[in-house]
């Protein structure tokens, strides 16, 4: 796994890329910190813990889909942190009342067609390579 932090609205969001499964994992607490505009990490952590508790009581699957990975903290040490995929994160973001949630939706929606296009172009390239290597084999679309 590669740990590649990113920024949203000037604040760092820790994320990790799993090459084996081709999935990005984002720190839920970092996203909650940005959405709730908390300056203190501990306040964002408490907000997430309370939200997680409420969502569990409601039977939300979004909390179930969160995992824990070791990510680097501000002190340089690695700690277990709740992480979620982009899809799960979008569901969680809907539970946080924040004006900053809308740009996250818009950005994610803007990225979806690009991701879909990349998958299609990868498939076409694979088919082209297969046809080149084995022209006698008919590859169905």
N, C-alpha and C. Protein backbone atom coordinates (compact mmCIF):
# COMPACT_ATOMS: atom_id res chain seq x y z
N UNK A 1 0.84 -1.19 0.00
CA UNK A 1 0.00 0.00 0.00
C UNK A 1 0.88 1.24 0.00
N UNK A 2 0.47 2.19 -0.80
CA UNK A 2 1.17 3.47 -0.86
C UNK A 2 0.35 4.50 -0.10
N UNK A 3 1.00 5.28 0.74
CA UNK A 3 0.32 6.35 1.47
C UNK A 3 0.64 7.65 0.76
N UNK A 4 -0.39 8.26 0.18
CA UNK A 4 -0.24 9.49 -0.60
C UNK A 4 -1.24 10.53 -0.11
N UNK A 5 -0.82 11.43 0.77
CA UNK A 5 -1.76 12.43 1.26
C UNK A 5 -2.21 13.38 0.15
N UNK A 6 -3.37 13.93 0.33
CA UNK A 6 -3.91 14.91 -0.60
C UNK A 6 -4.45 16.08 0.21
N UNK A 7 -4.89 17.13 -0.45
CA UNK A 7 -5.45 18.29 0.25
C UNK A 7 -6.85 18.58 -0.25
N UNK A 8 -7.67 19.02 0.67
CA UNK A 8 -9.00 19.52 0.33
C UNK A 8 -9.22 20.77 1.13
N UNK A 9 -9.48 21.84 0.45
CA UNK A 9 -9.74 23.13 1.10
C UNK A 9 -8.59 23.53 2.03
N UNK A 10 -7.37 23.23 1.62
CA UNK A 10 -6.19 23.64 2.39
C UNK A 10 -5.83 22.73 3.55
N UNK A 11 -6.58 21.67 3.77
CA UNK A 11 -6.28 20.76 4.86
C UNK A 11 -5.89 19.40 4.30
N UNK A 12 -4.92 18.77 4.95
CA UNK A 12 -4.43 17.48 4.50
C UNK A 12 -5.43 16.37 4.81
N UNK A 13 -5.59 15.47 3.84
CA UNK A 13 -6.40 14.28 4.03
C UNK A 13 -5.50 13.10 3.71
N UNK A 14 -5.33 12.25 4.71
CA UNK A 14 -4.49 11.07 4.50
C UNK A 14 -5.26 10.04 3.69
N UNK A 15 -4.56 9.45 2.74
CA UNK A 15 -5.17 8.41 1.93
C UNK A 15 -4.12 7.37 1.58
N UNK A 16 -4.61 6.20 1.28
CA UNK A 16 -3.72 5.09 0.97
C UNK A 16 -4.25 4.38 -0.28
N UNK A 17 -3.33 3.98 -1.14
CA UNK A 17 -3.72 3.30 -2.37
C UNK A 17 -3.29 1.84 -2.30
N UNK A 18 -4.24 0.96 -2.44
CA UNK A 18 -3.97 -0.47 -2.44
C UNK A 18 -3.85 -0.92 -3.90
N UNK A 19 -2.63 -1.18 -4.31
CA UNK A 19 -2.37 -1.56 -5.71
C UNK A 19 -2.97 -2.91 -6.07
N UNK A 20 -3.03 -3.81 -5.11
CA UNK A 20 -3.55 -5.15 -5.38
C UNK A 20 -5.03 -5.13 -5.77
N UNK A 21 -5.80 -4.26 -5.09
CA UNK A 21 -7.24 -4.19 -5.35
C UNK A 21 -7.64 -2.95 -6.14
N UNK A 22 -6.70 -2.06 -6.39
CA UNK A 22 -6.94 -0.82 -7.13
C UNK A 22 -7.99 0.06 -6.41
N UNK A 23 -7.83 0.19 -5.08
CA UNK A 23 -8.79 0.95 -4.27
C UNK A 23 -8.05 2.03 -3.47
N UNK A 24 -8.65 3.22 -3.44
CA UNK A 24 -8.16 4.29 -2.58
C UNK A 24 -8.89 4.23 -1.24
N UNK A 25 -8.16 4.37 -0.15
CA UNK A 25 -8.73 4.43 1.20
C UNK A 25 -8.43 5.81 1.77
N UNK A 26 -9.46 6.50 2.28
CA UNK A 26 -9.34 7.84 2.82
C UNK A 26 -9.59 7.83 4.32
N UNK A 27 -8.85 8.66 5.04
CA UNK A 27 -9.04 8.79 6.48
C UNK A 27 -10.38 9.49 6.75
N UNK A 28 -11.26 8.79 7.43
CA UNK A 28 -12.59 9.34 7.71
C UNK A 28 -12.48 10.56 8.64
N UNK A 29 -11.61 10.48 9.62
CA UNK A 29 -11.47 11.58 10.58
C UNK A 29 -10.97 12.84 9.88
N UNK A 30 -10.05 12.70 8.94
CA UNK A 30 -9.55 13.87 8.20
C UNK A 30 -10.67 14.54 7.41
N UNK A 31 -11.52 13.73 6.78
CA UNK A 31 -12.64 14.28 6.01
C UNK A 31 -13.65 14.95 6.93
N UNK A 32 -13.94 14.31 8.06
CA UNK A 32 -14.86 14.89 9.04
C UNK A 32 -14.29 16.21 9.58
N UNK A 33 -12.98 16.25 9.79
CA UNK A 33 -12.34 17.47 10.28
C UNK A 33 -12.51 18.62 9.29
N UNK A 34 -12.38 18.33 8.00
CA UNK A 34 -12.57 19.36 6.98
C UNK A 34 -14.03 19.81 6.93
N UNK A 35 -14.95 18.85 6.95
CA UNK A 35 -16.37 19.18 6.84
C UNK A 35 -16.90 19.97 8.03
N UNK A 36 -16.44 19.59 9.22
CA UNK A 36 -16.94 20.27 10.43
C UNK A 36 -16.11 21.50 10.77
N UNK A 37 -15.07 21.75 9.99
CA UNK A 37 -14.19 22.91 10.18
C UNK A 37 -13.58 22.93 11.58
N UNK A 38 -13.17 21.76 12.02
CA UNK A 38 -12.52 21.63 13.33
C UNK A 38 -11.03 21.91 13.19
N UNK A 39 -10.51 22.77 14.02
CA UNK A 39 -9.07 23.04 14.00
C UNK A 39 -8.31 21.94 14.75
N UNK A 40 -8.99 21.35 15.72
CA UNK A 40 -8.37 20.34 16.58
C UNK A 40 -8.71 18.93 16.09
N UNK A 41 -7.69 18.11 15.91
CA UNK A 41 -7.87 16.73 15.45
C UNK A 41 -8.71 15.93 16.43
N UNK A 42 -8.48 16.13 17.74
CA UNK A 42 -9.21 15.36 18.75
C UNK A 42 -10.71 15.67 18.73
N UNK A 43 -11.05 16.93 18.45
CA UNK A 43 -12.47 17.29 18.36
C UNK A 43 -13.12 16.58 17.16
N UNK A 44 -12.41 16.51 16.05
CA UNK A 44 -12.93 15.80 14.87
C UNK A 44 -13.06 14.30 15.16
N UNK A 45 -12.10 13.75 15.90
CA UNK A 45 -12.15 12.33 16.26
C UNK A 45 -13.37 12.05 17.13
N UNK A 46 -13.64 12.92 18.09
CA UNK A 46 -14.81 12.74 18.96
C UNK A 46 -16.11 12.87 18.17
N UNK A 47 -16.13 13.83 17.24
CA UNK A 47 -17.31 14.00 16.38
C UNK A 47 -17.56 12.72 15.58
N UNK A 48 -16.49 12.16 15.00
CA UNK A 48 -16.62 10.93 14.21
C UNK A 48 -17.08 9.77 15.09
N UNK A 49 -16.53 9.65 16.30
CA UNK A 49 -16.95 8.56 17.19
C UNK A 49 -18.43 8.65 17.53
N UNK A 50 -18.91 9.86 17.78
CA UNK A 50 -20.33 10.05 18.10
C UNK A 50 -21.20 9.76 16.87
N UNK A 51 -20.77 10.24 15.71
CA UNK A 51 -21.50 9.99 14.48
C UNK A 51 -21.54 8.49 14.16
N UNK A 52 -20.41 7.82 14.36
CA UNK A 52 -20.32 6.38 14.12
C UNK A 52 -21.30 5.63 15.03
N UNK A 53 -21.37 6.07 16.28
CA UNK A 53 -22.29 5.44 17.24
C UNK A 53 -23.74 5.62 16.79
N UNK A 54 -24.10 6.83 16.36
CA UNK A 54 -25.47 7.09 15.90
C UNK A 54 -25.81 6.29 14.64
N UNK A 55 -24.86 6.24 13.71
CA UNK A 55 -25.11 5.51 12.48
C UNK A 55 -25.26 4.01 12.73
N UNK A 56 -24.49 3.48 13.69
CA UNK A 56 -24.63 2.06 14.04
C UNK A 56 -26.01 1.77 14.61
N UNK A 57 -26.51 2.69 15.46
CA UNK A 57 -27.84 2.50 16.04
C UNK A 57 -28.92 2.52 14.96
N UNK A 58 -28.69 3.32 13.90
CA UNK A 58 -29.64 3.39 12.79
C UNK A 58 -29.52 2.19 11.87
N UNK A 59 -28.46 1.42 12.04
CA UNK A 59 -28.25 0.25 11.19
C UNK A 59 -27.59 0.57 9.86
N UNK A 60 -26.87 1.67 9.81
CA UNK A 60 -26.20 2.08 8.58
C UNK A 60 -25.06 1.14 8.23
N UNK A 61 -25.01 0.71 6.98
CA UNK A 61 -23.94 -0.16 6.51
C UNK A 61 -22.66 0.61 6.25
N UNK A 62 -22.74 1.94 6.15
CA UNK A 62 -21.56 2.75 5.88
C UNK A 62 -20.50 2.57 6.95
N UNK A 63 -20.92 2.48 8.19
CA UNK A 63 -19.96 2.29 9.29
C UNK A 63 -19.36 0.90 9.22
N UNK A 64 -20.17 -0.07 8.84
CA UNK A 64 -19.68 -1.44 8.70
C UNK A 64 -18.61 -1.53 7.62
N UNK A 65 -18.74 -0.72 6.57
CA UNK A 65 -17.80 -0.75 5.45
C UNK A 65 -16.51 0.01 5.72
N UNK A 66 -16.40 0.63 6.87
CA UNK A 66 -15.16 1.31 7.25
C UNK A 66 -14.17 0.28 7.79
N UNK A 67 -12.92 0.48 7.48
CA UNK A 67 -11.86 -0.42 7.94
C UNK A 67 -10.85 0.40 8.73
N UNK A 68 -9.85 -0.25 9.25
CA UNK A 68 -8.80 0.45 9.99
C UNK A 68 -7.45 0.11 9.36
N UNK A 69 -6.71 1.16 9.06
CA UNK A 69 -5.36 1.02 8.53
C UNK A 69 -4.42 1.88 9.36
N UNK A 70 -3.15 1.50 9.38
CA UNK A 70 -2.16 2.33 10.05
C UNK A 70 -1.73 3.43 9.10
N UNK A 71 -1.98 4.67 9.51
CA UNK A 71 -1.59 5.84 8.74
C UNK A 71 -0.72 6.73 9.61
N UNK A 72 0.19 7.48 9.00
CA UNK A 72 1.06 8.36 9.78
C UNK A 72 0.28 9.53 10.39
N UNK A 73 0.59 9.83 11.63
CA UNK A 73 -0.04 10.94 12.34
C UNK A 73 0.89 12.15 12.33
N UNK A 74 0.45 13.22 12.93
CA UNK A 74 1.25 14.46 12.97
C UNK A 74 2.57 14.25 13.70
N UNK A 75 2.61 13.32 14.66
CA UNK A 75 3.85 13.08 15.40
C UNK A 75 4.80 12.14 14.66
N UNK A 76 4.42 11.69 13.46
CA UNK A 76 5.28 10.84 12.66
C UNK A 76 5.09 9.35 12.88
N UNK A 77 4.35 8.99 13.93
CA UNK A 77 4.09 7.58 14.21
C UNK A 77 2.88 7.10 13.43
N UNK A 78 2.80 5.80 13.20
CA UNK A 78 1.65 5.21 12.52
C UNK A 78 0.64 4.71 13.54
N UNK A 79 -0.61 5.12 13.35
CA UNK A 79 -1.69 4.71 14.24
C UNK A 79 -2.83 4.14 13.41
N UNK A 80 -3.58 3.20 14.01
CA UNK A 80 -4.78 2.68 13.35
C UNK A 80 -5.79 3.81 13.21
N UNK A 81 -6.30 3.96 12.01
CA UNK A 81 -7.24 5.03 11.70
C UNK A 81 -8.39 4.46 10.89
N UNK A 82 -9.60 4.94 11.15
CA UNK A 82 -10.75 4.52 10.35
C UNK A 82 -10.59 5.06 8.94
N UNK A 83 -10.73 4.18 7.96
CA UNK A 83 -10.63 4.57 6.56
C UNK A 83 -11.84 4.03 5.81
N UNK A 84 -12.13 4.67 4.68
CA UNK A 84 -13.26 4.25 3.86
C UNK A 84 -12.93 4.50 2.40
N UNK A 85 -13.59 3.76 1.54
CA UNK A 85 -13.45 3.98 0.11
C UNK A 85 -14.23 5.25 -0.26
N UNK A 86 -14.02 5.73 -1.46
CA UNK A 86 -14.72 6.94 -1.90
C UNK A 86 -16.23 6.75 -1.87
N UNK A 87 -16.69 5.59 -2.27
CA UNK A 87 -18.13 5.31 -2.29
C UNK A 87 -18.71 5.35 -0.87
N UNK A 88 -18.06 4.69 0.06
CA UNK A 88 -18.53 4.69 1.45
C UNK A 88 -18.43 6.08 2.04
N UNK A 89 -17.36 6.78 1.70
CA UNK A 89 -17.15 8.13 2.22
C UNK A 89 -18.25 9.09 1.77
N UNK A 90 -18.71 8.94 0.53
CA UNK A 90 -19.80 9.78 0.05
C UNK A 90 -21.07 9.55 0.86
N UNK A 91 -21.31 8.31 1.24
CA UNK A 91 -22.48 8.02 2.08
C UNK A 91 -22.33 8.63 3.46
N UNK A 92 -21.11 8.56 4.00
CA UNK A 92 -20.87 9.14 5.32
C UNK A 92 -20.98 10.66 5.30
N UNK A 93 -20.49 11.27 4.23
CA UNK A 93 -20.51 12.73 4.11
C UNK A 93 -21.95 13.24 4.15
N UNK A 94 -22.88 12.46 3.64
CA UNK A 94 -24.29 12.87 3.68
C UNK A 94 -24.81 13.00 5.10
N UNK A 95 -24.17 12.35 6.05
CA UNK A 95 -24.60 12.39 7.44
C UNK A 95 -24.01 13.57 8.20
N UNK A 96 -23.08 14.29 7.59
CA UNK A 96 -22.44 15.43 8.25
C UNK A 96 -23.02 16.71 7.68
N UNK A 97 -23.77 17.47 8.50
CA UNK A 97 -24.33 18.72 8.00
C UNK A 97 -23.20 19.75 7.82
N UNK A 98 -22.90 20.06 6.56
CA UNK A 98 -21.81 20.98 6.28
C UNK A 98 -21.95 21.59 4.90
N UNK A 99 -21.68 22.90 4.77
CA UNK A 99 -21.70 23.51 3.43
C UNK A 99 -20.54 23.02 2.56
N UNK A 100 -19.52 22.43 3.18
CA UNK A 100 -18.38 21.95 2.42
C UNK A 100 -18.63 20.58 1.79
N UNK A 101 -19.74 19.96 2.12
CA UNK A 101 -20.05 18.64 1.57
C UNK A 101 -20.38 18.72 0.09
N UNK A 102 -21.01 19.79 -0.35
CA UNK A 102 -21.42 19.92 -1.75
C UNK A 102 -20.23 19.87 -2.71
N UNK A 103 -19.11 20.57 -2.45
CA UNK A 103 -17.97 20.44 -3.37
C UNK A 103 -17.43 19.01 -3.46
N UNK A 104 -17.54 18.25 -2.38
CA UNK A 104 -17.09 16.86 -2.42
C UNK A 104 -17.96 16.06 -3.37
N UNK A 105 -19.29 16.27 -3.29
CA UNK A 105 -20.19 15.58 -4.22
C UNK A 105 -19.85 15.94 -5.66
N UNK A 106 -19.71 17.26 -5.91
CA UNK A 106 -19.45 17.72 -7.28
C UNK A 106 -18.13 17.17 -7.81
N UNK A 107 -17.10 17.17 -6.98
CA UNK A 107 -15.80 16.68 -7.41
C UNK A 107 -15.87 15.18 -7.70
N UNK A 108 -16.54 14.43 -6.85
CA UNK A 108 -16.65 12.98 -7.05
C UNK A 108 -17.45 12.66 -8.30
N UNK A 109 -18.52 13.39 -8.54
CA UNK A 109 -19.33 13.16 -9.73
C UNK A 109 -18.53 13.51 -10.98
N UNK A 110 -17.73 14.57 -10.90
CA UNK A 110 -16.89 14.95 -12.04
C UNK A 110 -15.84 13.89 -12.33
N UNK A 111 -15.36 13.20 -11.30
CA UNK A 111 -14.33 12.18 -11.49
C UNK A 111 -14.90 10.86 -11.99
N UNK A 112 -16.16 10.60 -11.73
CA UNK A 112 -16.74 9.31 -12.10
C UNK A 112 -16.66 9.02 -13.59
N UNK A 113 -17.08 9.94 -14.46
CA UNK A 113 -16.98 9.62 -15.88
C UNK A 113 -15.53 9.38 -16.33
N UNK A 114 -14.59 10.12 -15.78
CA UNK A 114 -13.19 9.93 -16.13
C UNK A 114 -12.72 8.52 -15.75
N UNK A 115 -13.10 8.08 -14.57
CA UNK A 115 -12.75 6.74 -14.12
C UNK A 115 -13.38 5.69 -15.03
N UNK A 116 -14.63 5.88 -15.36
CA UNK A 116 -15.31 4.94 -16.24
C UNK A 116 -14.64 4.91 -17.62
N UNK A 117 -14.26 6.08 -18.11
CA UNK A 117 -13.59 6.14 -19.41
C UNK A 117 -12.25 5.42 -19.37
N UNK A 118 -11.52 5.57 -18.27
CA UNK A 118 -10.23 4.88 -18.15
C UNK A 118 -10.41 3.36 -18.18
N UNK A 119 -11.46 2.89 -17.50
CA UNK A 119 -11.72 1.44 -17.49
C UNK A 119 -12.04 0.93 -18.89
N UNK A 120 -12.85 1.70 -19.61
CA UNK A 120 -13.21 1.30 -20.97
C UNK A 120 -11.98 1.30 -21.86
N UNK A 121 -11.14 2.35 -21.76
CA UNK A 121 -9.96 2.42 -22.62
C UNK A 121 -8.97 1.31 -22.25
N UNK A 122 -8.85 0.95 -20.96
CA UNK A 122 -7.99 -0.17 -20.57
C UNK A 122 -8.49 -1.47 -21.18
N UNK A 123 -9.81 -1.65 -21.16
CA UNK A 123 -10.39 -2.88 -21.72
C UNK A 123 -10.14 -2.95 -23.22
N UNK A 124 -10.31 -1.83 -23.90
CA UNK A 124 -10.08 -1.80 -25.35
C UNK A 124 -8.62 -2.11 -25.67
N UNK A 125 -7.72 -1.55 -24.89
CA UNK A 125 -6.30 -1.81 -25.10
C UNK A 125 -5.99 -3.29 -24.89
N UNK A 126 -6.57 -3.87 -23.85
CA UNK A 126 -6.37 -5.29 -23.58
C UNK A 126 -6.88 -6.13 -24.74
N UNK A 127 -8.07 -5.80 -25.25
CA UNK A 127 -8.63 -6.54 -26.38
C UNK A 127 -7.74 -6.41 -27.61
N UNK A 128 -7.21 -5.20 -27.85
CA UNK A 128 -6.34 -4.98 -29.00
C UNK A 128 -5.06 -5.82 -28.88
N UNK A 129 -4.50 -5.86 -27.67
CA UNK A 129 -3.29 -6.65 -27.45
C UNK A 129 -3.58 -8.13 -27.65
N UNK A 130 -4.70 -8.62 -27.13
CA UNK A 130 -5.07 -10.02 -27.29
C UNK A 130 -5.26 -10.38 -28.76
N UNK A 131 -5.90 -9.50 -29.51
CA UNK A 131 -6.11 -9.76 -30.94
C UNK A 131 -4.78 -9.77 -31.69
N UNK A 132 -3.84 -8.92 -31.26
CA UNK A 132 -2.54 -8.87 -31.91
C UNK A 132 -1.75 -10.14 -31.61
N UNK A 133 -1.79 -10.58 -30.37
CA UNK A 133 -1.04 -11.77 -29.98
C UNK A 133 -1.63 -13.05 -30.54
N UNK A 134 -2.93 -13.13 -30.57
CA UNK A 134 -3.61 -14.34 -31.04
C UNK A 134 -4.71 -13.97 -32.03
N UNK A 135 -4.34 -13.66 -33.26
CA UNK A 135 -5.36 -13.23 -34.22
C UNK A 135 -6.38 -14.32 -34.54
N UNK A 136 -6.02 -15.56 -34.33
CA UNK A 136 -6.97 -16.63 -34.65
C UNK A 136 -8.06 -16.77 -33.59
N UNK A 137 -7.82 -16.22 -32.39
CA UNK A 137 -8.80 -16.32 -31.32
C UNK A 137 -9.76 -15.14 -31.42
N UNK A 138 -11.05 -15.44 -31.44
CA UNK A 138 -12.06 -14.40 -31.50
C UNK A 138 -12.37 -13.94 -30.07
N UNK A 139 -12.09 -12.68 -29.78
CA UNK A 139 -12.35 -12.12 -28.46
C UNK A 139 -13.68 -11.40 -28.51
N UNK A 140 -14.64 -11.89 -27.71
CA UNK A 140 -15.96 -11.28 -27.70
C UNK A 140 -15.93 -9.97 -26.93
N UNK A 141 -16.78 -9.06 -27.34
CA UNK A 141 -16.84 -7.76 -26.68
C UNK A 141 -17.75 -7.80 -25.52
